[in-house]
C-alpha atoms as a PDB file:
ATOM      1  CA  MET A   1      -4.032 -17.348  12.445  1.00  0.00           C
ATOM      2  CA  LYS A   2      -7.214 -15.476  12.920  1.00  0.00           C
ATOM      3  CA  LYS A   3      -8.459 -12.844  10.607  1.00  0.00           C
ATOM      4  CA  ASN A   4      -7.573 -10.023  12.469  1.00  0.00           C
ATOM      5  CA  GLU A   5      -3.988 -11.075  13.237  1.00  0.00           C
ATOM      6  CA  MET A   6      -3.829 -11.455   9.327  1.00  0.00           C
ATOM      7  CA  GLN A   7      -5.136  -8.080   8.845  1.00  0.00           C
ATOM      8  CA  GLU A   8      -2.673  -6.619  11.699  1.00  0.00           C
ATOM      9  CA  LYS A   9       0.956  -8.528   9.500  1.00  0.00           C
ATOM     10  CA  PHE A  10      -0.657  -7.372   5.893  1.00  0.00           C
ATOM     11  CA  ARG A  11      -1.246  -3.764   7.922  1.00  0.00           C
ATOM     12  CA  ASP A  12       2.301  -3.878   9.142  1.00  0.00           C
ATOM     13  CA  LEU A  13       3.735  -4.971   5.716  1.00  0.00           C
ATOM     14  CA  LEU A  14       1.883  -2.126   4.003  1.00  0.00           C
ATOM     15  CA  ASN A  15       3.650   0.385   6.838  1.00  0.00           C
ATOM     16  CA  ARG A  16       7.177  -0.583   5.991  1.00  0.00           C
ATOM     17  CA  ARG A  17       6.753  -0.762   2.385  1.00  0.00           C
ATOM     18  CA  LYS A  18       4.954   2.847   2.554  1.00  0.00           C
ATOM     19  CA  GLU A  19       7.743   3.998   4.553  1.00  0.00           C
ATOM     20  CA  SER A  20      10.221   2.765   2.128  1.00  0.00           C
ATOM     21  CA  LEU A  21       8.195   4.161  -0.446  1.00  0.00           C
ATOM     22  CA  LYS A  22       9.152   7.429   0.819  1.00  0.00           C
ATOM     23  CA  ARG A  23      12.732   7.246   1.802  1.00  0.00           C
ATOM     24  CA  ALA A  24      12.914   6.079  -2.123  1.00  0.00           C
ATOM     25  CA  MET A  25      11.323   9.151  -2.909  1.00  0.00           C
ATOM     26  CA  ASP A  26      13.377  11.318  -0.806  1.00  0.00           C
ATOM     27  CA  LYS A  27      16.392  10.039  -2.403  1.00  0.00           C
ATOM     28  CA  GLY A  28      15.215  10.084  -5.719  1.00  0.00           C
ATOM     29  CA  GLU A  29      15.405   6.633  -6.368  1.00  0.00           C
ATOM     30  CA  GLU A  30      13.195   5.707  -9.276  1.00  0.00           C
ATOM     31  CA  GLY A  31      13.443   2.186  -9.354  1.00  0.00           C
ATOM     32  CA  VAL A  32      12.788   1.455  -5.579  1.00  0.00           C
ATOM     33  CA  VAL A  33      10.251   3.652  -5.691  1.00  0.00           C
ATOM     34  CA  LEU A  34       8.067   1.889  -7.971  1.00  0.00           C
ATOM     35  CA  GLU A  35       9.634  -1.482  -6.641  1.00  0.00           C
ATOM     36  CA  ASN A  36       7.511  -0.502  -3.581  1.00  0.00           C
ATOM     37  CA  VAL A  37       4.482   0.707  -5.279  1.00  0.00           C
ATOM     38  CA  GLY A  38       4.141  -2.187  -6.662  1.00  0.00           C
ATOM     39  CA  GLU A  39       4.653  -4.531  -3.765  1.00  0.00           C
ATOM     40  CA  ILE A  40       1.860  -2.419  -2.397  1.00  0.00           C
ATOM     41  CA  CYS A  41      -0.645  -2.910  -4.953  1.00  0.00           C
ATOM     42  CA  GLY A  42       0.528  -6.568  -4.771  1.00  0.00           C
ATOM     43  CA  ILE A  43      -0.027  -6.551  -0.984  1.00  0.00           C
ATOM     44  CA  ALA A  44      -3.666  -4.782  -1.506  1.00  0.00           C
ATOM     45  CA  ALA A  45      -4.395  -7.606  -4.220  1.00  0.00           C
ATOM     46  CA  SER A  46      -3.334 -10.224  -1.787  1.00  0.00           C
ATOM     47  CA  MET A  47      -5.392  -8.617   1.037  1.00  0.00           C
ATOM     48  CA  GLN A  48      -8.395  -8.680  -1.276  1.00  0.00           C
ATOM     49  CA  ILE A  49      -7.831 -12.066  -2.656  1.00  0.00           C
ATOM     50  CA  ILE A  50      -8.131 -13.850   1.132  1.00  0.00           C
ATOM     51  CA  GLY A  51     -10.924 -11.808   2.136  1.00  0.00           C
ATOM     52  CA  LEU A  52      -9.463  -9.152   4.603  1.00  0.00           C
ATOM     53  CA  ILE A  53     -10.413  -6.275   2.611  1.00  0.00           C
ATOM     54  CA  ASP A  54     -12.802  -5.561  -0.294  1.00  0.00           C
ATOM     55  CA  TRP A  55     -12.541  -4.201  -3.738  1.00  0.00           C
ATOM     56  CA  GLU A  56     -13.261  -0.796  -2.914  1.00  0.00           C
ATOM     57  CA  GLN A  57     -10.474  -0.951   0.269  1.00  0.00           C
ATOM     58  CA  LYS A  58      -7.935  -2.615  -2.361  1.00  0.00           C
ATOM     59  CA  ASP A  59      -8.557   0.290  -4.916  1.00  0.00           C
ATOM     60  CA  TYR A  60      -8.257   3.058  -2.402  1.00  0.00           C
ATOM     61  CA  ILE A  61      -4.773   1.254  -1.150  1.00  0.00           C
ATOM     62  CA  GLU A  62      -3.277   0.990  -4.606  1.00  0.00           C
ATOM     63  CA  ASN A  63      -4.632   4.595  -5.092  1.00  0.00           C
ATOM     64  CA  GLU A  64      -3.232   6.050  -2.356  1.00  0.00           C
ATOM     65  CA  ALA A  65       0.694   4.024  -3.195  1.00  0.00           C
ATOM     66  CA  TRP A  66       0.560   5.851  -6.814  1.00  0.00           C
ATOM     67  CA  ASN A  67      -0.558   8.822  -5.586  1.00  0.00           C
ATOM     68  CA  MET A  68       2.466   8.816  -3.115  1.00  0.00           C
ATOM     69  CA  TYR A  69       4.521   7.938  -6.024  1.00  0.00           C
ATOM     70  CA  LEU A  70       2.958  11.583  -8.415  1.00  0.00           C
ATOM     71  CA  ARG A  71       3.169  13.496  -5.311  1.00  0.00           C
ATOM     72  CA  ARG A  72      -0.568  14.211  -5.150  1.00  0.00           C
ATOM     73  CA  GLU A  73      -2.779  14.539  -2.153  1.00  0.00           C
ATOM     74  CA  PRO A  74      -5.444  11.808  -1.474  1.00  0.00           C
ATOM     75  CA  GLU A  75      -8.850  12.806  -2.294  1.00  0.00           C
ATOM     76  CA  HIS A  76     -10.389  10.951   1.009  1.00  0.00           C
ATOM     77  CA  GLU A  77      -9.529   9.576   4.003  1.00  0.00           C
ATOM     78  CA  ALA A  78     -10.565   6.023   4.255  1.00  0.00           C
ATOM     79  CA  CYS A  79     -13.155   4.823   6.632  1.00  0.00           C
END
């Protein structure tokens, strides 16, 4: 599989987890919310390990997930 194909699949997976996180937050399902945050962080770590993103991008994705959980606005947009 080509690098751009893998990036697309991982981005799809991240987007699905983010949507699931939003739905769980709307329903007040704390356990499911935290599970989704953990999965998002795991996906970001996997992407970094196999070289699809760098450390800064991984940290941004993880911080974005925690900010969603804490209902904070992101500090800046990713490039």
